[in-house]
Amino acid sequence: MSPGTDREWPHGELARAGVECFGAHSEYVHHVGVPRVDRIDRPGPFWLVTPDRTAKEHVDATALADVLLERLRRASQDGAR
């Protein structure tokens, strides 16, 4: 992600779901915390589709946050049923 992403990241809602974006104040500069690659089932955060380990390009932070927030909202709606 680009420098400064942590200042625009939706920390509150995603942090409650276990997803963090660390910024320049941390040794983990410009990383998003996600489940381990082998986490493919509950309990806790898990991958619906495992990541492609061959990609070398960075992701657009806004697009990533939008997808994560949408998945969180869907999961919340599914849990309320």
PDB file of N, CA and C in Angstrom:
ATOM      1  N   MET A   1       0.833  -1.179   0.000  1.00  0.00           N
ATOM      2  CA  MET A   1       0.000   0.000   0.000  1.00  0.00           C
ATOM      3  C   MET A   1       0.875   1.238   0.000  1.00  0.00           C
ATOM      4  N   SER A   2       0.295   2.309  -0.403  1.00  0.00           N
ATOM      5  CA  SER A   2       1.023   3.570  -0.491  1.00  0.00           C
ATOM      6  C   SER A   2       1.284   4.161   0.892  1.00  0.00           C
ATOM      7  N   PRO A   3       2.350   4.939   1.015  1.00  0.00           N
ATOM      8  CA  PRO A   3       2.607   5.635   2.280  1.00  0.00           C
ATOM      9  C   PRO A   3       1.408   6.499   2.659  1.00  0.00           C
ATOM     10  N   GLY A   4       1.090   6.530   3.927  1.00  0.00           N
ATOM     11  CA  GLY A   4      -0.028   7.320   4.418  1.00  0.00           C
ATOM     12  C   GLY A   4      -1.350   6.582   4.446  1.00  0.00           C
ATOM     13  N   THR A   5      -1.387   5.353   3.948  1.00  0.00           N
ATOM     14  CA  THR A   5      -2.627   4.582   3.915  1.00  0.00           C
ATOM     15  C   THR A   5      -3.248   4.467   5.301  1.00  0.00           C
ATOM     16  N   ASP A   6      -2.422   4.317   6.316  1.00  0.00           N
ATOM     17  CA  ASP A   6      -2.946   4.142   7.676  1.00  0.00           C
ATOM     18  C   ASP A   6      -3.759   5.344   8.134  1.00  0.00           C
ATOM     19  N   ARG A   7      -3.507   6.531   7.585  1.00  0.00           N
ATOM     20  CA  ARG A   7      -4.272   7.721   7.995  1.00  0.00           C
ATOM     21  C   ARG A   7      -5.689   7.706   7.426  1.00  0.00           C
ATOM     22  N   GLU A   8      -5.902   7.009   6.324  1.00  0.00           N
ATOM     23  CA  GLU A   8      -7.219   6.956   5.682  1.00  0.00           C
ATOM     24  C   GLU A   8      -7.971   5.648   5.960  1.00  0.00           C
ATOM     25  N   TRP A   9      -7.305   4.670   6.552  1.00  0.00           N
ATOM     26  CA  TRP A   9      -7.861   3.340   6.767  1.00  0.00           C
ATOM     27  C   TRP A   9      -9.031   3.384   7.752  1.00  0.00           C
ATOM     28  N   PRO A  10     -10.121   2.647   7.509  1.00  0.00           N
ATOM     29  CA  PRO A  10     -11.252   2.609   8.446  1.00  0.00           C
ATOM     30  C   PRO A  10     -10.935   1.723   9.651  1.00  0.00           C
ATOM     31  N   HIS A  11     -10.094   2.227  10.545  1.00  0.00           N
ATOM     32  CA  HIS A  11      -9.569   1.441  11.661  1.00  0.00           C
ATOM     33  C   HIS A  11     -10.656   0.836  12.558  1.00  0.00           C
ATOM     34  N   GLY A  12     -11.617   1.618  12.982  1.00  0.00           N
ATOM     35  CA  GLY A  12     -12.586   1.159  13.975  1.00  0.00           C
ATOM     36  C   GLY A  12     -13.317  -0.118  13.609  1.00  0.00           C
ATOM     37  N   GLU A  13     -14.079  -0.060  12.547  1.00  0.00           N
ATOM     38  CA  GLU A  13     -14.917  -1.197  12.150  1.00  0.00           C
ATOM     39  C   GLU A  13     -14.087  -2.419  11.774  1.00  0.00           C
ATOM     40  N   LEU A  14     -13.019  -2.219  11.023  1.00  0.00           N
ATOM     41  CA  LEU A  14     -12.198  -3.353  10.610  1.00  0.00           C
ATOM     42  C   LEU A  14     -11.361  -3.899  11.754  1.00  0.00           C
ATOM     43  N   ALA A  15     -10.897  -3.035  12.653  1.00  0.00           N
ATOM     44  CA  ALA A  15     -10.104  -3.505  13.798  1.00  0.00           C
ATOM     45  C   ALA A  15     -10.932  -4.429  14.681  1.00  0.00           C
ATOM     46  N   ARG A  16     -12.207  -4.121  14.850  1.00  0.00           N
ATOM     47  CA  ARG A  16     -13.081  -4.998  15.653  1.00  0.00           C
ATOM     48  C   ARG A  16     -13.202  -6.375  15.034  1.00  0.00           C
ATOM     49  N   ALA A  17     -12.979  -6.461  13.703  1.00  0.00           N
ATOM     50  CA  ALA A  17     -13.039  -7.746  13.000  1.00  0.00           C
ATOM     51  C   ALA A  17     -11.658  -8.406  12.917  1.00  0.00           C
ATOM     52  N   GLY A  18     -10.652  -7.771  13.531  1.00  0.00           N
ATOM     53  CA  GLY A  18      -9.317  -8.355  13.530  1.00  0.00           C
ATOM     54  C   GLY A  18      -8.458  -7.974  12.344  1.00  0.00           C
ATOM     55  N   VAL A  19      -8.840  -6.913  11.608  1.00  0.00           N
ATOM     56  CA  VAL A  19      -8.074  -6.458  10.459  1.00  0.00           C
ATOM     57  C   VAL A  19      -7.474  -5.098  10.788  1.00  0.00           C
ATOM     58  N   GLU A  20      -6.169  -4.974  10.672  1.00  0.00           N
ATOM     59  CA  GLU A  20      -5.476  -3.730  11.007  1.00  0.00           C
ATOM     60  C   GLU A  20      -4.615  -3.255   9.849  1.00  0.00           C
ATOM     61  N   CYS A  21      -4.406  -1.961   9.786  1.00  0.00           N
ATOM     62  CA  CYS A  21      -3.447  -1.357   8.859  1.00  0.00           C
ATOM     63  C   CYS A  21      -2.493  -0.549   9.725  1.00  0.00           C
ATOM     64  N   PHE A  22      -1.243  -0.973   9.781  1.00  0.00           N
ATOM     65  CA  PHE A  22      -0.239  -0.299  10.594  1.00  0.00           C
ATOM     66  C   PHE A  22       0.454   0.760   9.758  1.00  0.00           C
ATOM     67  N   GLY A  23       0.798   1.877  10.383  1.00  0.00           N
ATOM     68  CA  GLY A  23       1.427   2.972   9.649  1.00  0.00           C
ATOM     69  C   GLY A  23       2.853   3.225  10.075  1.00  0.00           C
ATOM     70  N   ALA A  24       3.296   4.427   9.823  1.00  0.00           N
ATOM     71  CA  ALA A  24       4.682   4.808  10.036  1.00  0.00           C
ATOM     72  C   ALA A  24       5.114   4.743  11.495  1.00  0.00           C
ATOM     73  N   HIS A  25       4.173   4.688  12.416  1.00  0.00           N
ATOM     74  CA  HIS A  25       4.510   4.633  13.837  1.00  0.00           C
ATOM     75  C   HIS A  25       4.858   3.223  14.299  1.00  0.00           C
ATOM     76  N   SER A  26       4.803   2.264  13.420  1.00  0.00           N
ATOM     77  CA  SER A  26       5.033   0.863  13.771  1.00  0.00           C
ATOM     78  C   SER A  26       6.142   0.276  12.905  1.00  0.00           C
ATOM     79  N   GLU A  27       6.745  -0.805  13.393  1.00  0.00           N
ATOM     80  CA  GLU A  27       7.738  -1.484  12.560  1.00  0.00           C
ATOM     81  C   GLU A  27       7.086  -2.214  11.383  1.00  0.00           C
ATOM     82  N   TYR A  28       5.775  -2.358  11.400  1.00  0.00           N
ATOM     83  CA  TYR A  28       5.057  -3.029  10.315  1.00  0.00           C
ATOM     84  C   TYR A  28       4.487  -1.984   9.361  1.00  0.00           C
ATOM     85  N   VAL A  29       5.333  -1.207   8.755  1.00  0.00           N
ATOM     86  CA  VAL A  29       4.890  -0.108   7.908  1.00  0.00           C
ATOM     87  C   VAL A  29       4.194  -0.642   6.654  1.00  0.00           C
ATOM     88  N   HIS A  30       2.973  -0.159   6.421  1.00  0.00           N
ATOM     89  CA  HIS A  30       2.193  -0.428   5.211  1.00  0.00           C
ATOM     90  C   HIS A  30       1.844  -1.909   5.036  1.00  0.00           C
ATOM     91  N   HIS A  31       1.473  -2.569   6.095  1.00  0.00           N
ATOM     92  CA  HIS A  31       1.006  -3.949   6.019  1.00  0.00           C
ATOM     93  C   HIS A  31      -0.418  -4.024   6.564  1.00  0.00           C
ATOM     94  N   VAL A  32      -1.180  -4.918   6.034  1.00  0.00           N
ATOM     95  CA  VAL A  32      -2.520  -5.183   6.544  1.00  0.00           C
ATOM     96  C   VAL A  32      -2.476  -6.525   7.245  1.00  0.00           C
ATOM     97  N   GLY A  33      -2.973  -6.576   8.461  1.00  0.00           N
ATOM     98  CA  GLY A  33      -3.037  -7.846   9.174  1.00  0.00           C
ATOM     99  C   GLY A  33      -4.216  -8.664   8.675  1.00  0.00           C
ATOM    100  N   VAL A  34      -3.951  -9.859   8.251  1.00  0.00           N
ATOM    101  CA  VAL A  34      -4.995 -10.754   7.741  1.00  0.00           C
ATOM    102  C   VAL A  34      -4.783 -12.140   8.349  1.00  0.00           C
ATOM    103  N   PRO A  35      -5.751 -13.009   8.207  1.00  0.00           N
ATOM    104  CA  PRO A  35      -5.559 -14.369   8.736  1.00  0.00           C
ATOM    105  C   PRO A  35      -4.381 -15.065   8.064  1.00  0.00           C
ATOM    106  N   ARG A  36      -3.814 -16.039   8.762  1.00  0.00           N
ATOM    107  CA  ARG A  36      -2.768 -16.867   8.153  1.00  0.00           C
ATOM    108  C   ARG A  36      -3.314 -17.490   6.869  1.00  0.00           C
ATOM    109  N   VAL A  37      -2.428 -17.775   5.940  1.00  0.00           N
ATOM    110  CA  VAL A  37      -2.841 -18.316   4.646  1.00  0.00           C
ATOM    111  C   VAL A  37      -3.567 -19.650   4.796  1.00  0.00           C
ATOM    112  N   ASP A  38      -3.249 -20.413   5.824  1.00  0.00           N
ATOM    113  CA  ASP A  38      -3.897 -21.720   5.995  1.00  0.00           C
ATOM    114  C   ASP A  38      -5.230 -21.643   6.741  1.00  0.00           C
ATOM    115  N   ARG A  39      -5.684 -20.437   7.112  1.00  0.00           N
ATOM    116  CA  ARG A  39      -6.969 -20.279   7.807  1.00  0.00           C
ATOM    117  C   ARG A  39      -8.087 -20.258   6.780  1.00  0.00           C
ATOM    118  N   ILE A  40      -8.762 -21.393   6.570  1.00  0.00           N
ATOM    119  CA  ILE A  40      -9.807 -21.487   5.550  1.00  0.00           C
ATOM    120  C   ILE A  40     -11.169 -21.833   6.133  1.00  0.00           C
ATOM    121  N   ASP A  41     -11.288 -21.761   7.459  1.00  0.00           N
ATOM    122  CA  ASP A  41     -12.568 -22.082   8.094  1.00  0.00           C
ATOM    123  C   ASP A  41     -12.637 -21.417   9.455  1.00  0.00           C
ATOM    124  N   ARG A  42     -13.839 -21.311   9.977  1.00  0.00           N
ATOM    125  CA  ARG A  42     -14.047 -20.762  11.316  1.00  0.00           C
ATOM    126  C   ARG A  42     -13.455 -21.687  12.353  1.00  0.00           C
ATOM    127  N   PRO A  43     -13.195 -21.284  13.549  1.00  0.00           N
ATOM    128  CA  PRO A  43     -13.586 -20.028  14.173  1.00  0.00           C
ATOM    129  C   PRO A  43     -12.609 -18.914  13.839  1.00  0.00           C
ATOM    130  N   GLY A  44     -13.051 -17.675  14.020  1.00  0.00           N
ATOM    131  CA  GLY A  44     -12.208 -16.513  13.785  1.00  0.00           C
ATOM    132  C   GLY A  44     -12.108 -16.160  12.317  1.00  0.00           C
ATOM    133  N   PRO A  45     -11.290 -15.149  12.012  1.00  0.00           N
ATOM    134  CA  PRO A  45     -11.125 -14.718  10.622  1.00  0.00           C
ATOM    135  C   PRO A  45     -10.536 -15.841   9.764  1.00  0.00           C
ATOM    136  N   PHE A  46     -11.022 -15.939   8.527  1.00  0.00           N
ATOM    137  CA  PHE A  46     -10.523 -16.974   7.625  1.00  0.00           C
ATOM    138  C   PHE A  46     -10.697 -16.515   6.192  1.00  0.00           C
ATOM    139  N   TRP A  47     -10.026 -17.200   5.266  1.00  0.00           N
ATOM    140  CA  TRP A  47     -10.084 -16.874   3.848  1.00  0.00           C
ATOM    141  C   TRP A  47     -11.230 -17.618   3.184  1.00  0.00           C
ATOM    142  N   LEU A  48     -12.048 -16.905   2.416  1.00  0.00           N
ATOM    143  CA  LEU A  48     -13.044 -17.567   1.570  1.00  0.00           C
ATOM    144  C   LEU A  48     -12.345 -18.157   0.352  1.00  0.00           C
ATOM    145  N   VAL A  49     -11.372 -17.416  -0.167  1.00  0.00           N
ATOM    146  CA  VAL A  49     -10.533 -17.854  -1.271  1.00  0.00           C
ATOM    147  C   VAL A  49      -9.101 -17.588  -0.831  1.00  0.00           C
ATOM    148  N   THR A  50      -8.262 -18.593  -0.847  1.00  0.00           N
ATOM    149  CA  THR A  50      -6.884 -18.396  -0.396  1.00  0.00           C
ATOM    150  C   THR A  50      -6.144 -17.452  -1.328  1.00  0.00           C
ATOM    151  N   PRO A  51      -5.215 -16.673  -0.782  1.00  0.00           N
ATOM    152  CA  PRO A  51      -4.493 -15.696  -1.597  1.00  0.00           C
ATOM    153  C   PRO A  51      -3.609 -16.337  -2.668  1.00  0.00           C
ATOM    154  N   ASP A  52      -3.443 -15.604  -3.746  1.00  0.00           N
ATOM    155  CA  ASP A  52      -2.532 -16.002  -4.805  1.00  0.00           C
ATOM    156  C   ASP A  52      -1.129 -15.587  -4.377  1.00  0.00           C
ATOM    157  N   ARG A  53      -0.271 -16.535  -4.106  1.00  0.00           N
ATOM    158  CA  ARG A  53       1.074 -16.231  -3.603  1.00  0.00           C
ATOM    159  C   ARG A  53       2.046 -15.814  -4.700  1.00  0.00           C
ATOM    160  N   THR A  54       1.596 -15.784  -5.958  1.00  0.00           N
ATOM    161  CA  THR A  54       2.504 -15.433  -7.052  1.00  0.00           C
ATOM    162  C   THR A  54       2.470 -13.943  -7.381  1.00  0.00           C
ATOM    163  N   ALA A  55       1.447 -13.230  -6.914  1.00  0.00           N
ATOM    164  CA  ALA A  55       1.309 -11.798  -7.242  1.00  0.00           C
ATOM    165  C   ALA A  55       2.434 -10.989  -6.615  1.00  0.00           C
ATOM    166  N   LYS A  56       2.956 -10.057  -7.352  1.00  0.00           N
ATOM    167  CA  LYS A  56       4.047  -9.207  -6.874  1.00  0.00           C
ATOM    168  C   LYS A  56       3.624  -7.743  -6.742  1.00  0.00           C
ATOM    169  N   GLU A  57       2.414  -7.386  -7.196  1.00  0.00           N
ATOM    170  CA  GLU A  57       1.964  -6.006  -7.155  1.00  0.00           C
ATOM    171  C   GLU A  57       1.196  -5.730  -5.871  1.00  0.00           C
ATOM    172  N   HIS A  58       1.215  -4.480  -5.463  1.00  0.00           N
ATOM    173  CA  HIS A  58       0.466  -4.074  -4.287  1.00  0.00           C
ATOM    174  C   HIS A  58      -0.982  -3.806  -4.643  1.00  0.00           C
ATOM    175  N   VAL A  59      -1.827  -3.872  -3.655  1.00  0.00           N
ATOM    176  CA  VAL A  59      -3.259  -3.671  -3.849  1.00  0.00           C
ATOM    177  C   VAL A  59      -3.619  -2.209  -3.604  1.00  0.00           C
ATOM    178  N   ASP A  60      -4.678  -1.748  -4.263  1.00  0.00           N
ATOM    179  CA  ASP A  60      -5.215  -0.428  -4.008  1.00  0.00           C
ATOM    180  C   ASP A  60      -5.903  -0.452  -2.643  1.00  0.00           C
ATOM    181  N   ALA A  61      -5.458   0.383  -1.727  1.00  0.00           N
ATOM    182  CA  ALA A  61      -5.940   0.352  -0.345  1.00  0.00           C
ATOM    183  C   ALA A  61      -7.435   0.640  -0.242  1.00  0.00           C
ATOM    184  N   THR A  62      -7.932   1.565  -1.033  1.00  0.00           N
ATOM    185  CA  THR A  62      -9.359   1.898  -0.982  1.00  0.00           C
ATOM    186  C   THR A  62     -10.199   0.716  -1.434  1.00  0.00           C
ATOM    187  N   ALA A  63      -9.789   0.062  -2.500  1.00  0.00           N
ATOM    188  CA  ALA A  63     -10.526  -1.103  -2.988  1.00  0.00           C
ATOM    189  C   ALA A  63     -10.497  -2.224  -1.952  1.00  0.00           C
ATOM    190  N   LEU A  64      -9.352  -2.448  -1.334  1.00  0.00           N
ATOM    191  CA  LEU A  64      -9.243  -3.484  -0.309  1.00  0.00           C
ATOM    192  C   LEU A  64     -10.150  -3.177   0.876  1.00  0.00           C
ATOM    193  N   ALA A  65     -10.108  -1.950   1.367  1.00  0.00           N
ATOM    194  CA  ALA A  65     -10.957  -1.570   2.504  1.00  0.00           C
ATOM    195  C   ALA A  65     -12.434  -1.729   2.145  1.00  0.00           C
ATOM    196  N   ASP A  66     -12.824  -1.328   0.938  1.00  0.00           N
ATOM    197  CA  ASP A  66     -14.220  -1.472   0.508  1.00  0.00           C
ATOM    198  C   ASP A  66     -14.667  -2.931   0.514  1.00  0.00           C
ATOM    199  N   VAL A  67     -13.821  -3.810  -0.010  1.00  0.00           N
ATOM    200  CA  VAL A  67     -14.153  -5.237  -0.039  1.00  0.00           C
ATOM    201  C   VAL A  67     -14.252  -5.794   1.379  1.00  0.00           C
ATOM    202  N   LEU A  68     -13.297  -5.457   2.219  1.00  0.00           N
ATOM    203  CA  LEU A  68     -13.315  -5.959   3.596  1.00  0.00           C
ATOM    204  C   LEU A  68     -14.540  -5.463   4.356  1.00  0.00           C
ATOM    205  N   LEU A  69     -14.885  -4.188   4.204  1.00  0.00           N
ATOM    206  CA  LEU A  69     -16.064  -3.645   4.883  1.00  0.00           C
ATOM    207  C   LEU A  69     -17.348  -4.308   4.380  1.00  0.00           C
ATOM    208  N   GLU A  70     -17.445  -4.532   3.074  1.00  0.00           N
ATOM    209  CA  GLU A  70     -18.627  -5.197   2.525  1.00  0.00           C
ATOM    210  C   GLU A  70     -18.755  -6.618   3.051  1.00  0.00           C
ATOM    211  N   ARG A  71     -17.655  -7.363   3.093  1.00  0.00           N
ATOM    212  CA  ARG A  71     -17.688  -8.736   3.617  1.00  0.00           C
ATOM    213  C   ARG A  71     -18.074  -8.728   5.098  1.00  0.00           C
ATOM    214  N   LEU A  72     -17.570  -7.761   5.842  1.00  0.00           N
ATOM    215  CA  LEU A  72     -17.904  -7.645   7.256  1.00  0.00           C
ATOM    216  C   LEU A  72     -19.391  -7.362   7.436  1.00  0.00           C
ATOM    217  N   ARG A  73     -19.920  -6.465   6.626  1.00  0.00           N
ATOM    218  CA  ARG A  73     -21.358  -6.145   6.706  1.00  0.00           C
ATOM    219  C   ARG A  73     -22.211  -7.364   6.348  1.00  0.00           C
ATOM    220  N   ARG A  74     -21.815  -8.079   5.308  1.00  0.00           N
ATOM    221  CA  ARG A  74     -22.565  -9.292   4.917  1.00  0.00           C
ATOM    222  C   ARG A  74     -22.529 -10.338   6.021  1.00  0.00           C
ATOM    223  N   ALA A  75     -21.360 -10.531   6.604  1.00  0.00           N
ATOM    224  CA  ALA A  75     -21.239 -11.511   7.684  1.00  0.00           C
ATOM    225  C   ALA A  75     -22.086 -11.105   8.873  1.00  0.00           C
ATOM    226  N   SER A  76     -22.137  -9.802   9.154  1.00  0.00           N
ATOM    227  CA  SER A  76     -22.947  -9.297  10.258  1.00  0.00           C
ATOM    228  C   SER A  76     -24.432  -9.532   9.979  1.00  0.00           C
ATOM    229  N   GLN A  77     -24.862  -9.300   8.747  1.00  0.00           N
ATOM    230  CA  GLN A  77     -26.255  -9.530   8.364  1.00  0.00           C
ATOM    231  C   GLN A  77     -26.595 -11.005   8.444  1.00  0.00           C
ATOM    232  N   ASP A  78     -25.697 -11.863   7.967  1.00  0.00           N
ATOM    233  CA  ASP A  78     -25.923 -13.306   8.022  1.00  0.00           C
ATOM    234  C   ASP A  78     -26.026 -13.795   9.453  1.00  0.00           C
ATOM    235  N   GLY A  79     -25.229 -13.213  10.349  1.00  0.00           N
ATOM    236  CA  GLY A  79     -25.260 -13.601  11.753  1.00  0.00           C
ATOM    237  C   GLY A  79     -26.502 -13.135  12.467  1.00  0.00           C
ATOM    238  N   ALA A  80     -27.141 -12.082  11.952  1.00  0.00           N
ATOM    239  CA  ALA A  80     -28.348 -11.531  12.583  1.00  0.00           C
ATOM    240  C   ALA A  80     -29.592 -12.302  12.197  1.00  0.00           C
ATOM    241  N   ARG A  81     -29.482 -13.180  11.222  1.00  0.00           N
ATOM    242  CA  ARG A  81     -30.669 -13.928  10.750  1.00  0.00           C
ATOM    243  C   ARG A  81     -30.954 -15.110  11.622  1.00  0.00           C
TER     244      ARG A  81
END
